[in-house]
Amino acid sequence: MPLRFRYKGAVGQHEGHGTTLDLGRKGIRFLSDQPPPVDADVELRIEWPFLLQEVCPLELRVFGRVLRSDERGTVVQMYHYEFRTRGTRSFDTPAERLEQWCIVA
């Protein structure tokens, strides 16, 4: 599943994107061209493959810390997660379709 992430670095906020490889109750592994550094606190926004009530797109928001990062991917330990309706700017979803079918969080 596609994902976007952000974290705070020494010189400000950083953002990136990647692809989910493994997802479990306590962690997630993903691939990215420019992964966040080890020990960074990150927020991940994962494009969820199922619709709310078969109409409204969702995203899984994950908050956690990067445990390791290597050629096999970046591993994040989850502290907290929540499902949200996907906003008009998330994953470049057309705004008119979202506004027509669901309340945007």
PDB file of N, CA and C in Angstrom:
ATOM      1  N   MET A   1       0.838  -1.170   0.000  1.00  0.00           N
ATOM      2  CA  MET A   1       0.000   0.000   0.000  1.00  0.00           C
ATOM      3  C   MET A   1       0.891   1.244   0.000  1.00  0.00           C
ATOM      4  N   PRO A   2       0.529   2.256  -0.746  1.00  0.00           N
ATOM      5  CA  PRO A   2       1.301   3.505  -0.738  1.00  0.00           C
ATOM      6  C   PRO A   2       1.226   4.181   0.623  1.00  0.00           C
ATOM      7  N   LEU A   3       2.301   4.868   0.996  1.00  0.00           N
ATOM      8  CA  LEU A   3       2.292   5.607   2.249  1.00  0.00           C
ATOM      9  C   LEU A   3       3.096   6.889   2.096  1.00  0.00           C
ATOM     10  N   ARG A   4       2.810   7.806   2.990  1.00  0.00           N
ATOM     11  CA  ARG A   4       3.589   9.041   3.111  1.00  0.00           C
ATOM     12  C   ARG A   4       4.012   9.143   4.560  1.00  0.00           C
ATOM     13  N   PHE A   5       5.166   9.773   4.790  1.00  0.00           N
ATOM     14  CA  PHE A   5       5.635   9.917   6.162  1.00  0.00           C
ATOM     15  C   PHE A   5       6.207  11.305   6.360  1.00  0.00           C
ATOM     16  N   ARG A   6       6.281  11.673   7.645  1.00  0.00           N
ATOM     17  CA  ARG A   6       6.958  12.920   7.998  1.00  0.00           C
ATOM     18  C   ARG A   6       7.589  12.763   9.366  1.00  0.00           C
ATOM     19  N   TYR A   7       8.668  13.520   9.551  1.00  0.00           N
ATOM     20  CA  TYR A   7       9.375  13.499  10.819  1.00  0.00           C
ATOM     21  C   TYR A   7      10.108  14.823  10.974  1.00  0.00           C
ATOM     22  N   LYS A   8      10.458  15.131  12.202  1.00  0.00           N
ATOM     23  CA  LYS A   8      11.194  16.347  12.488  1.00  0.00           C
ATOM     24  C   LYS A   8      12.672  16.020  12.542  1.00  0.00           C
ATOM     25  N   GLY A   9      13.460  16.742  11.751  1.00  0.00           N
ATOM     26  CA  GLY A   9      14.902  16.558  11.738  1.00  0.00           C
ATOM     27  C   GLY A   9      15.596  17.742  12.385  1.00  0.00           C
ATOM     28  N   ALA A  10      16.901  17.751  12.340  1.00  0.00           N
ATOM     29  CA  ALA A  10      17.690  18.836  12.934  1.00  0.00           C
ATOM     30  C   ALA A  10      17.442  20.166  12.247  1.00  0.00           C
ATOM     31  N   VAL A  11      17.091  20.118  10.966  1.00  0.00           N
ATOM     32  CA  VAL A  11      16.866  21.354  10.206  1.00  0.00           C
ATOM     33  C   VAL A  11      15.411  21.518   9.775  1.00  0.00           C
ATOM     34  N   GLY A  12      14.477  21.015  10.543  1.00  0.00           N
ATOM     35  CA  GLY A  12      13.064  21.207  10.240  1.00  0.00           C
ATOM     36  C   GLY A  12      12.322  19.925   9.912  1.00  0.00           C
ATOM     37  N   GLN A  13      11.135  20.106   9.361  1.00  0.00           N
ATOM     38  CA  GLN A  13      10.230  19.009   9.023  1.00  0.00           C
ATOM     39  C   GLN A  13      10.651  18.363   7.700  1.00  0.00           C
ATOM     40  N   HIS A  14      10.624  17.024   7.656  1.00  0.00           N
ATOM     41  CA  HIS A  14      10.952  16.284   6.441  1.00  0.00           C
ATOM     42  C   HIS A  14       9.772  15.401   6.063  1.00  0.00           C
ATOM     43  N   GLU A  15       9.572  15.242   4.767  1.00  0.00           N
ATOM     44  CA  GLU A  15       8.495  14.396   4.274  1.00  0.00           C
ATOM     45  C   GLU A  15       9.027  13.444   3.214  1.00  0.00           C
ATOM     46  N   GLY A  16       8.353  12.318   3.053  1.00  0.00           N
ATOM     47  CA  GLY A  16       8.741  11.356   2.044  1.00  0.00           C
ATOM     48  C   GLY A  16       7.589  10.414   1.742  1.00  0.00           C
ATOM     49  N   HIS A  17       7.828   9.471   0.858  1.00  0.00           N
ATOM     50  CA  HIS A  17       6.812   8.489   0.503  1.00  0.00           C
ATOM     51  C   HIS A  17       7.467   7.134   0.300  1.00  0.00           C
ATOM     52  N   GLY A  18       6.628   6.112   0.308  1.00  0.00           N
ATOM     53  CA  GLY A  18       7.141   4.760   0.145  1.00  0.00           C
ATOM     54  C   GLY A  18       6.024   3.778  -0.089  1.00  0.00           C
ATOM     55  N   THR A  19       6.356   2.506   0.105  1.00  0.00           N
ATOM     56  CA  THR A  19       5.411   1.414  -0.096  1.00  0.00           C
ATOM     57  C   THR A  19       5.479   0.463   1.088  1.00  0.00           C
ATOM     58  N   THR A  20       4.330   0.111   1.609  1.00  0.00           N
ATOM     59  CA  THR A  20       4.236  -0.801   2.746  1.00  0.00           C
ATOM     60  C   THR A  20       4.628  -2.216   2.330  1.00  0.00           C
ATOM     61  N   LEU A  21       5.475  -2.865   3.145  1.00  0.00           N
ATOM     62  CA  LEU A  21       5.846  -4.255   2.909  1.00  0.00           C
ATOM     63  C   LEU A  21       5.156  -5.188   3.895  1.00  0.00           C
ATOM     64  N   ASP A  22       5.220  -4.864   5.188  1.00  0.00           N
ATOM     65  CA  ASP A  22       4.608  -5.676   6.244  1.00  0.00           C
ATOM     66  C   ASP A  22       3.893  -4.752   7.213  1.00  0.00           C
ATOM     67  N   LEU A  23       2.742  -5.211   7.699  1.00  0.00           N
ATOM     68  CA  LEU A  23       1.966  -4.436   8.664  1.00  0.00           C
ATOM     69  C   LEU A  23       1.451  -5.370   9.738  1.00  0.00           C
ATOM     70  N   GLY A  24       1.775  -5.077  10.990  1.00  0.00           N
ATOM     71  CA  GLY A  24       1.325  -5.886  12.112  1.00  0.00           C
ATOM     72  C   GLY A  24       0.769  -5.007  13.221  1.00  0.00           C
ATOM     73  N   ARG A  25       0.396  -5.626  14.322  1.00  0.00           N
ATOM     74  CA  ARG A  25      -0.183  -4.879  15.446  1.00  0.00           C
ATOM     75  C   ARG A  25       0.797  -3.916  16.091  1.00  0.00           C
ATOM     76  N   LYS A  26       2.075  -4.264  16.099  1.00  0.00           N
ATOM     77  CA  LYS A  26       3.054  -3.458  16.822  1.00  0.00           C
ATOM     78  C   LYS A  26       4.063  -2.756  15.927  1.00  0.00           C
ATOM     79  N   GLY A  27       4.024  -3.041  14.618  1.00  0.00           N
ATOM     80  CA  GLY A  27       5.025  -2.433  13.762  1.00  0.00           C
ATOM     81  C   GLY A  27       4.681  -2.483  12.296  1.00  0.00           C
ATOM     82  N   ILE A  28       5.496  -1.781  11.528  1.00  0.00           N
ATOM     83  CA  ILE A  28       5.320  -1.713  10.086  1.00  0.00           C
ATOM     84  C   ILE A  28       6.695  -1.667   9.431  1.00  0.00           C
ATOM     85  N   ARG A  29       6.799  -2.285   8.251  1.00  0.00           N
ATOM     86  CA  ARG A  29       8.029  -2.224   7.465  1.00  0.00           C
ATOM     87  C   ARG A  29       7.669  -1.690   6.096  1.00  0.00           C
ATOM     88  N   PHE A  30       8.459  -0.720   5.613  1.00  0.00           N
ATOM     89  CA  PHE A  30       8.188  -0.128   4.309  1.00  0.00           C
ATOM     90  C   PHE A  30       9.478   0.199   3.585  1.00  0.00           C
ATOM     91  N   LEU A  31       9.366   0.383   2.278  1.00  0.00           N
ATOM     92  CA  LEU A  31      10.491   0.783   1.437  1.00  0.00           C
ATOM     93  C   LEU A  31      10.329   2.239   1.037  1.00  0.00           C
ATOM     94  N   SER A  32      11.459   2.951   0.994  1.00  0.00           N
ATOM     95  CA  SER A  32      11.470   4.345   0.572  1.00  0.00           C
ATOM     96  C   SER A  32      12.842   4.677  -0.005  1.00  0.00           C
ATOM     97  N   ASP A  33      12.866   5.572  -1.001  1.00  0.00           N
ATOM     98  CA  ASP A  33      14.139   6.005  -1.570  1.00  0.00           C
ATOM     99  C   ASP A  33      14.958   6.809  -0.576  1.00  0.00           C
ATOM    100  N   GLN A  34      14.282   7.584   0.267  1.00  0.00           N
ATOM    101  CA  GLN A  34      14.952   8.403   1.279  1.00  0.00           C
ATOM    102  C   GLN A  34      14.274   8.172   2.633  1.00  0.00           C
ATOM    103  N   PRO A  35      14.600   7.067   3.296  1.00  0.00           N
ATOM    104  CA  PRO A  35      13.923   6.716   4.551  1.00  0.00           C
ATOM    105  C   PRO A  35      14.290   7.665   5.688  1.00  0.00           C
ATOM    106  N   PRO A  36      13.422   7.758   6.694  1.00  0.00           N
ATOM    107  CA  PRO A  36      13.752   8.555   7.873  1.00  0.00           C
ATOM    108  C   PRO A  36      14.893   7.905   8.653  1.00  0.00           C
ATOM    109  N   PRO A  37      15.625   8.686   9.442  1.00  0.00           N
ATOM    110  CA  PRO A  37      16.750   8.122  10.202  1.00  0.00           C
ATOM    111  C   PRO A  37      16.290   7.266  11.381  1.00  0.00           C
ATOM    112  N   VAL A  38      17.156   6.374  11.802  1.00  0.00           N
ATOM    113  CA  VAL A  38      16.897   5.538  12.977  1.00  0.00           C
ATOM    114  C   VAL A  38      16.689   6.438  14.194  1.00  0.00           C
ATOM    115  N   ASP A  39      15.763   6.072  15.043  1.00  0.00           N
ATOM    116  CA  ASP A  39      15.365   6.777  16.265  1.00  0.00           C
ATOM    117  C   ASP A  39      14.501   8.005  16.019  1.00  0.00           C
ATOM    118  N   ALA A  40      14.136   8.292  14.769  1.00  0.00           N
ATOM    119  CA  ALA A  40      13.252   9.422  14.488  1.00  0.00           C
ATOM    120  C   ALA A  40      11.813   9.053  14.863  1.00  0.00           C
ATOM    121  N   ASP A  41      11.099   9.988  15.470  1.00  0.00           N
ATOM    122  CA  ASP A  41       9.666   9.836  15.692  1.00  0.00           C
ATOM    123  C   ASP A  41       8.978  10.202  14.389  1.00  0.00           C
ATOM    124  N   VAL A  42       8.123   9.299  13.875  1.00  0.00           N
ATOM    125  CA  VAL A  42       7.512   9.507  12.569  1.00  0.00           C
ATOM    126  C   VAL A  42       5.995   9.405  12.638  1.00  0.00           C
ATOM    127  N   GLU A  43       5.371  10.031  11.666  1.00  0.00           N
ATOM    128  CA  GLU A  43       3.944   9.861  11.408  1.00  0.00           C
ATOM    129  C   GLU A  43       3.831   9.286  10.008  1.00  0.00           C
ATOM    130  N   LEU A  44       3.146   8.159   9.877  1.00  0.00           N
ATOM    131  CA  LEU A  44       2.908   7.521   8.586  1.00  0.00           C
ATOM    132  C   LEU A  44       1.435   7.669   8.244  1.00  0.00           C
ATOM    133  N   ARG A  45       1.148   7.930   6.980  1.00  0.00           N
ATOM    134  CA  ARG A  45      -0.218   7.951   6.473  1.00  0.00           C
ATOM    135  C   ARG A  45      -0.294   6.925   5.347  1.00  0.00           C
ATOM    136  N   ILE A  46      -1.019   5.836   5.607  1.00  0.00           N
ATOM    137  CA  ILE A  46      -1.084   4.710   4.675  1.00  0.00           C
ATOM    138  C   ILE A  46      -2.421   4.722   3.952  1.00  0.00           C
ATOM    139  N   GLU A  47      -2.366   4.665   2.632  1.00  0.00           N
ATOM    140  CA  GLU A  47      -3.583   4.625   1.826  1.00  0.00           C
ATOM    141  C   GLU A  47      -4.255   3.274   2.035  1.00  0.00           C
ATOM    142  N   TRP A  48      -5.387   3.266   2.738  1.00  0.00           N
ATOM    143  CA  TRP A  48      -6.068   2.023   3.076  1.00  0.00           C
ATOM    144  C   TRP A  48      -6.823   1.508   1.858  1.00  0.00           C
ATOM    145  N   PRO A  49      -6.781   0.187   1.583  1.00  0.00           N
ATOM    146  CA  PRO A  49      -7.370  -0.340   0.346  1.00  0.00           C
ATOM    147  C   PRO A  49      -8.885  -0.524   0.380  1.00  0.00           C
ATOM    148  N   PHE A  50      -9.530  -0.295   1.520  1.00  0.00           N
ATOM    149  CA  PHE A  50     -10.975  -0.492   1.618  1.00  0.00           C
ATOM    150  C   PHE A  50     -11.664   0.835   1.894  1.00  0.00           C
ATOM    151  N   LEU A  51     -12.901   0.954   1.435  1.00  0.00           N
ATOM    152  CA  LEU A  51     -13.679   2.180   1.605  1.00  0.00           C
ATOM    153  C   LEU A  51     -14.585   2.078   2.828  1.00  0.00           C
ATOM    154  N   LEU A  52     -14.806   3.199   3.488  1.00  0.00           N
ATOM    155  CA  LEU A  52     -15.769   3.272   4.583  1.00  0.00           C
ATOM    156  C   LEU A  52     -17.156   3.258   3.978  1.00  0.00           C
ATOM    157  N   GLN A  53     -17.983   2.309   4.372  1.00  0.00           N
ATOM    158  CA  GLN A  53     -19.334   2.124   3.853  1.00  0.00           C
ATOM    159  C   GLN A  53     -19.349   2.044   2.326  1.00  0.00           C
ATOM    160  N   GLU A  54     -18.277   1.488   1.776  1.00  0.00           N
ATOM    161  CA  GLU A  54     -18.115   1.272   0.341  1.00  0.00           C
ATOM    162  C   GLU A  54     -18.134   2.561  -0.476  1.00  0.00           C
ATOM    163  N   VAL A  55     -17.855   3.716   0.165  1.00  0.00           N
ATOM    164  CA  VAL A  55     -17.920   4.986  -0.539  1.00  0.00           C
ATOM    165  C   VAL A  55     -16.739   5.901  -0.238  1.00  0.00           C
ATOM    166  N   CYS A  56     -16.352   6.008   1.007  1.00  0.00           N
ATOM    167  CA  CYS A  56     -15.396   7.026   1.438  1.00  0.00           C
ATOM    168  C   CYS A  56     -13.996   6.435   1.631  1.00  0.00           C
ATOM    169  N   PRO A  57     -12.970   7.008   0.966  1.00  0.00           N
ATOM    170  CA  PRO A  57     -11.607   6.509   1.128  1.00  0.00           C
ATOM    171  C   PRO A  57     -11.060   6.759   2.534  1.00  0.00           C
ATOM    172  N   LEU A  58     -10.243   5.829   3.004  1.00  0.00           N
ATOM    173  CA  LEU A  58      -9.660   5.914   4.340  1.00  0.00           C
ATOM    174  C   LEU A  58      -8.137   5.924   4.270  1.00  0.00           C
ATOM    175  N   GLU A  59      -7.526   6.385   5.351  1.00  0.00           N
ATOM    176  CA  GLU A  59      -6.089   6.240   5.528  1.00  0.00           C
ATOM    177  C   GLU A  59      -5.849   5.774   6.955  1.00  0.00           C
ATOM    178  N   LEU A  60      -4.793   5.014   7.128  1.00  0.00           N
ATOM    179  CA  LEU A  60      -4.358   4.569   8.444  1.00  0.00           C
ATOM    180  C   LEU A  60      -3.215   5.478   8.859  1.00  0.00           C
ATOM    181  N   ARG A  61      -3.383   6.192   9.965  1.00  0.00           N
ATOM    182  CA  ARG A  61      -2.324   7.058  10.476  1.00  0.00           C
ATOM    183  C   ARG A  61      -1.616   6.310  11.592  1.00  0.00           C
ATOM    184  N   VAL A  62      -0.301   6.224  11.485  1.00  0.00           N
ATOM    185  CA  VAL A  62       0.523   5.498  12.445  1.00  0.00           C
ATOM    186  C   VAL A  62       1.545   6.460  13.028  1.00  0.00           C
ATOM    187  N   PHE A  63       1.689   6.430  14.340  1.00  0.00           N
ATOM    188  CA  PHE A  63       2.700   7.225  15.026  1.00  0.00           C
ATOM    189  C   PHE A  63       3.659   6.254  15.697  1.00  0.00           C
ATOM    190  N   GLY A  64       4.949   6.467  15.498  1.00  0.00           N
ATOM    191  CA  GLY A  64       5.920   5.541  16.065  1.00  0.00           C
ATOM    192  C   GLY A  64       7.337   6.031  15.929  1.00  0.00           C
ATOM    193  N   ARG A  65       8.280   5.108  16.157  1.00  0.00           N
ATOM    194  CA  ARG A  65       9.709   5.415  16.118  1.00  0.00           C
ATOM    195  C   ARG A  65      10.414   4.430  15.187  1.00  0.00           C
ATOM    196  N   VAL A  66      11.361   4.948  14.408  1.00  0.00           N
ATOM    197  CA  VAL A  66      12.135   4.110  13.490  1.00  0.00           C
ATOM    198  C   VAL A  66      13.121   3.270  14.299  1.00  0.00           C
ATOM    199  N   LEU A  67      13.005   1.948  14.178  1.00  0.00           N
ATOM    200  CA  LEU A  67      13.904   1.031  14.888  1.00  0.00           C
ATOM    201  C   LEU A  67      15.149   0.714  14.069  1.00  0.00           C
ATOM    202  N   ARG A  68      14.955   0.493  12.764  1.00  0.00           N
ATOM    203  CA  ARG A  68      16.100   0.208  11.895  1.00  0.00           C
ATOM    204  C   ARG A  68      15.724   0.524  10.454  1.00  0.00           C
ATOM    205  N   SER A  69      16.757   0.683   9.647  1.00  0.00           N
ATOM    206  CA  SER A  69      16.558   0.966   8.231  1.00  0.00           C
ATOM    207  C   SER A  69      17.742   0.397   7.456  1.00  0.00           C
ATOM    208  N   ASP A  70      17.454  -0.470   6.482  1.00  0.00           N
ATOM    209  CA  ASP A  70      18.498  -1.072   5.658  1.00  0.00           C
ATOM    210  C   ASP A  70      17.921  -1.408   4.292  1.00  0.00           C
ATOM    211  N   GLU A  71      18.600  -2.221   3.515  1.00  0.00           N
ATOM    212  CA  GLU A  71      18.148  -2.551   2.169  1.00  0.00           C
ATOM    213  C   GLU A  71      16.843  -3.338   2.156  1.00  0.00           C
ATOM    214  N   ARG A  72      16.485  -3.964   3.283  1.00  0.00           N
ATOM    215  CA  ARG A  72      15.227  -4.718   3.370  1.00  0.00           C
ATOM    216  C   ARG A  72      14.049  -3.838   3.766  1.00  0.00           C
ATOM    217  N   GLY A  73      14.315  -2.570   4.088  1.00  0.00           N
ATOM    218  CA  GLY A  73      13.236  -1.649   4.424  1.00  0.00           C
ATOM    219  C   GLY A  73      13.460  -0.945   5.747  1.00  0.00           C
ATOM    220  N   THR A  74      12.533  -0.073   6.065  1.00  0.00           N
ATOM    221  CA  THR A  74      12.540   0.687   7.310  1.00  0.00           C
ATOM    222  C   THR A  74      11.495   0.099   8.239  1.00  0.00           C
ATOM    223  N   VAL A  75      11.874  -0.162   9.485  1.00  0.00           N
ATOM    224  CA  VAL A  75      10.961  -0.752  10.466  1.00  0.00           C
ATOM    225  C   VAL A  75      10.601   0.304  11.499  1.00  0.00           C
ATOM    226  N   VAL A  76       9.281   0.484  11.688  1.00  0.00           N
ATOM    227  CA  VAL A  76       8.766   1.455  12.647  1.00  0.00           C
ATOM    228  C   VAL A  76       7.979   0.721  13.722  1.00  0.00           C
ATOM    229  N   GLN A  77       8.302   0.991  14.970  1.00  0.00           N
ATOM    230  CA  GLN A  77       7.535   0.475  16.103  1.00  0.00           C
ATOM    231  C   GLN A  77       6.355   1.413  16.319  1.00  0.00           C
ATOM    232  N   MET A  78       5.140   0.865  16.322  1.00  0.00           N
ATOM    233  CA  MET A  78       3.938   1.679  16.485  1.00  0.00           C
ATOM    234  C   MET A  78       3.700   2.031  17.942  1.00  0.00           C
ATOM    235  N   TYR A  79       3.418   3.323  18.176  1.00  0.00           N
ATOM    236  CA  TYR A  79       2.972   3.770  19.499  1.00  0.00           C
ATOM    237  C   TYR A  79       1.457   3.908  19.521  1.00  0.00           C
ATOM    238  N   HIS A  80       0.931   4.388  18.394  1.00  0.00           N
ATOM    239  CA  HIS A  80      -0.496   4.684  18.312  1.00  0.00           C
ATOM    240  C   HIS A  80      -0.908   4.633  16.845  1.00  0.00           C
ATOM    241  N   TYR A  81      -2.145   4.235  16.577  1.00  0.00           N
ATOM    242  CA  TYR A  81      -2.658   4.293  15.205  1.00  0.00           C
ATOM    243  C   TYR A  81      -4.137   4.627  15.226  1.00  0.00           C
ATOM    244  N   GLU A  82      -4.631   5.144  14.106  1.00  0.00           N
ATOM    245  CA  GLU A  82      -6.040   5.490  13.980  1.00  0.00           C
ATOM    246  C   GLU A  82      -6.421   5.515  12.506  1.00  0.00           C
ATOM    247  N   PHE A  83      -7.682   5.221  12.234  1.00  0.00           N
ATOM    248  CA  PHE A  83      -8.203   5.343  10.881  1.00  0.00           C
ATOM    249  C   PHE A  83      -8.860   6.710  10.747  1.00  0.00           C
ATOM    250  N   ARG A  84      -8.663   7.316   9.580  1.00  0.00           N
ATOM    251  CA  ARG A  84      -9.252   8.627   9.288  1.00  0.00           C
ATOM    252  C   ARG A  84      -9.794   8.607   7.868  1.00  0.00           C
ATOM    253  N   THR A  85     -10.834   9.418   7.644  1.00  0.00           N
ATOM    254  CA  THR A  85     -11.234   9.615   6.259  1.00  0.00           C
ATOM    255  C   THR A  85     -10.119  10.375   5.579  1.00  0.00           C
ATOM    256  N   ARG A  86      -9.905  10.069   4.327  1.00  0.00           N
ATOM    257  CA  ARG A  86      -8.809  10.674   3.596  1.00  0.00           C
ATOM    258  C   ARG A  86      -9.204  12.057   3.125  1.00  0.00           C
ATOM    259  N   GLY A  87      -8.406  13.051   3.498  1.00  0.00           N
ATOM    260  CA  GLY A  87      -8.682  14.427   3.126  1.00  0.00           C
ATOM    261  C   GLY A  87      -8.407  14.703   1.664  1.00  0.00           C
ATOM    262  N   THR A  88      -8.775  15.882   1.220  1.00  0.00           N
ATOM    263  CA  THR A  88      -8.646  16.240  -0.193  1.00  0.00           C
ATOM    264  C   THR A  88      -7.194  16.282  -0.652  1.00  0.00           C
ATOM    265  N   ARG A  89      -6.246  16.508   0.247  1.00  0.00           N
ATOM    266  CA  ARG A  89      -4.842  16.575  -0.144  1.00  0.00           C
ATOM    267  C   ARG A  89      -4.117  15.250   0.005  1.00  0.00           C
ATOM    268  N   SER A  90      -4.722  14.293   0.693  1.00  0.00           N
ATOM    269  CA  SER A  90      -4.067  13.001   0.909  1.00  0.00           C
ATOM    270  C   SER A  90      -4.003  12.217  -0.383  1.00  0.00           C
ATOM    271  N   PHE A  91      -2.833  11.809  -0.776  1.00  0.00           N
ATOM    272  CA  PHE A  91      -2.618  10.926  -1.909  1.00  0.00           C
ATOM    273  C   PHE A  91      -3.215  11.469  -3.191  1.00  0.00           C
ATOM    274  N   ASP A  92      -3.339  12.794  -3.274  1.00  0.00           N
ATOM    275  CA  ASP A  92      -3.814  13.464  -4.486  1.00  0.00           C
ATOM    276  C   ASP A  92      -5.175  12.948  -4.949  1.00  0.00           C
ATOM    277  N   THR A  93      -6.100  12.734  -4.017  1.00  0.00           N
ATOM    278  CA  THR A  93      -7.443  12.284  -4.337  1.00  0.00           C
ATOM    279  C   THR A  93      -8.266  13.470  -4.835  1.00  0.00           C
ATOM    280  N   PRO A  94      -9.035  13.318  -5.904  1.00  0.00           N
ATOM    281  CA  PRO A  94      -9.852  14.429  -6.403  1.00  0.00           C
ATOM    282  C   PRO A  94     -10.826  14.938  -5.341  1.00  0.00           C
ATOM    283  N   ALA A  95     -10.784  16.233  -5.065  1.00  0.00           N
ATOM    284  CA  ALA A  95     -11.589  16.841  -4.005  1.00  0.00           C
ATOM    285  C   ALA A  95     -13.078  16.699  -4.267  1.00  0.00           C
ATOM    286  N   GLU A  96     -13.501  16.857  -5.505  1.00  0.00           N
ATOM    287  CA  GLU A  96     -14.927  16.815  -5.799  1.00  0.00           C
ATOM    288  C   GLU A  96     -15.550  15.462  -5.468  1.00  0.00           C
ATOM    289  N   ARG A  97     -14.811  14.379  -5.666  1.00  0.00           N
ATOM    290  CA  ARG A  97     -15.346  13.059  -5.344  1.00  0.00           C
ATOM    291  C   ARG A  97     -15.493  12.884  -3.841  1.00  0.00           C
ATOM    292  N   LEU A  98     -14.503  13.349  -3.071  1.00  0.00           N
ATOM    293  CA  LEU A  98     -14.564  13.218  -1.619  1.00  0.00           C
ATOM    294  C   LEU A  98     -15.688  14.066  -1.041  1.00  0.00           C
ATOM    295  N   GLU A  99     -15.812  15.302  -1.491  1.00  0.00           N
ATOM    296  CA  GLU A  99     -16.835  16.186  -0.956  1.00  0.00           C
ATOM    297  C   GLU A  99     -18.230  15.672  -1.273  1.00  0.00           C
ATOM    298  N   GLN A 100     -18.360  14.973  -2.379  1.00  0.00           N
ATOM    299  CA  GLN A 100     -19.648  14.444  -2.775  1.00  0.00           C
ATOM    300  C   GLN A 100     -20.085  13.300  -1.866  1.00  0.00           C
ATOM    301  N   TRP A 101     -19.131  12.489  -1.389  1.00  0.00           N
ATOM    302  CA  TRP A 101     -19.499  11.255  -0.713  1.00  0.00           C
ATOM    303  C   TRP A 101     -19.248  11.187   0.775  1.00  0.00           C
ATOM    304  N   CYS A 102     -18.401  12.040   1.339  1.00  0.00           N
ATOM    305  CA  CYS A 102     -18.108  11.870   2.763  1.00  0.00           C
ATOM    306  C   CYS A 102     -17.670  13.175   3.399  1.00  0.00           C
ATOM    307  N   ILE A 103     -17.725  13.199   4.690  1.00  0.00           N
ATOM    308  CA  ILE A 103     -17.237  14.332   5.462  1.00  0.00           C
ATOM    309  C   ILE A 103     -15.728  14.169   5.591  1.00  0.00           C
ATOM    310  N   VAL A 104     -14.975  15.171   5.240  1.00  0.00           N
ATOM    311  CA  VAL A 104     -13.529  15.086   5.284  1.00  0.00           C
ATOM    312  C   VAL A 104     -13.054  15.482   6.662  1.00  0.00           C
ATOM    313  N   ALA A 105     -12.198  14.637   7.270  1.00  0.00           N
ATOM    314  CA  ALA A 105     -11.694  14.899   8.618  1.00  0.00           C
ATOM    315  C   ALA A 105     -10.701  16.028   8.610  1.00  0.00           C
TER     316      ALA A 105
END
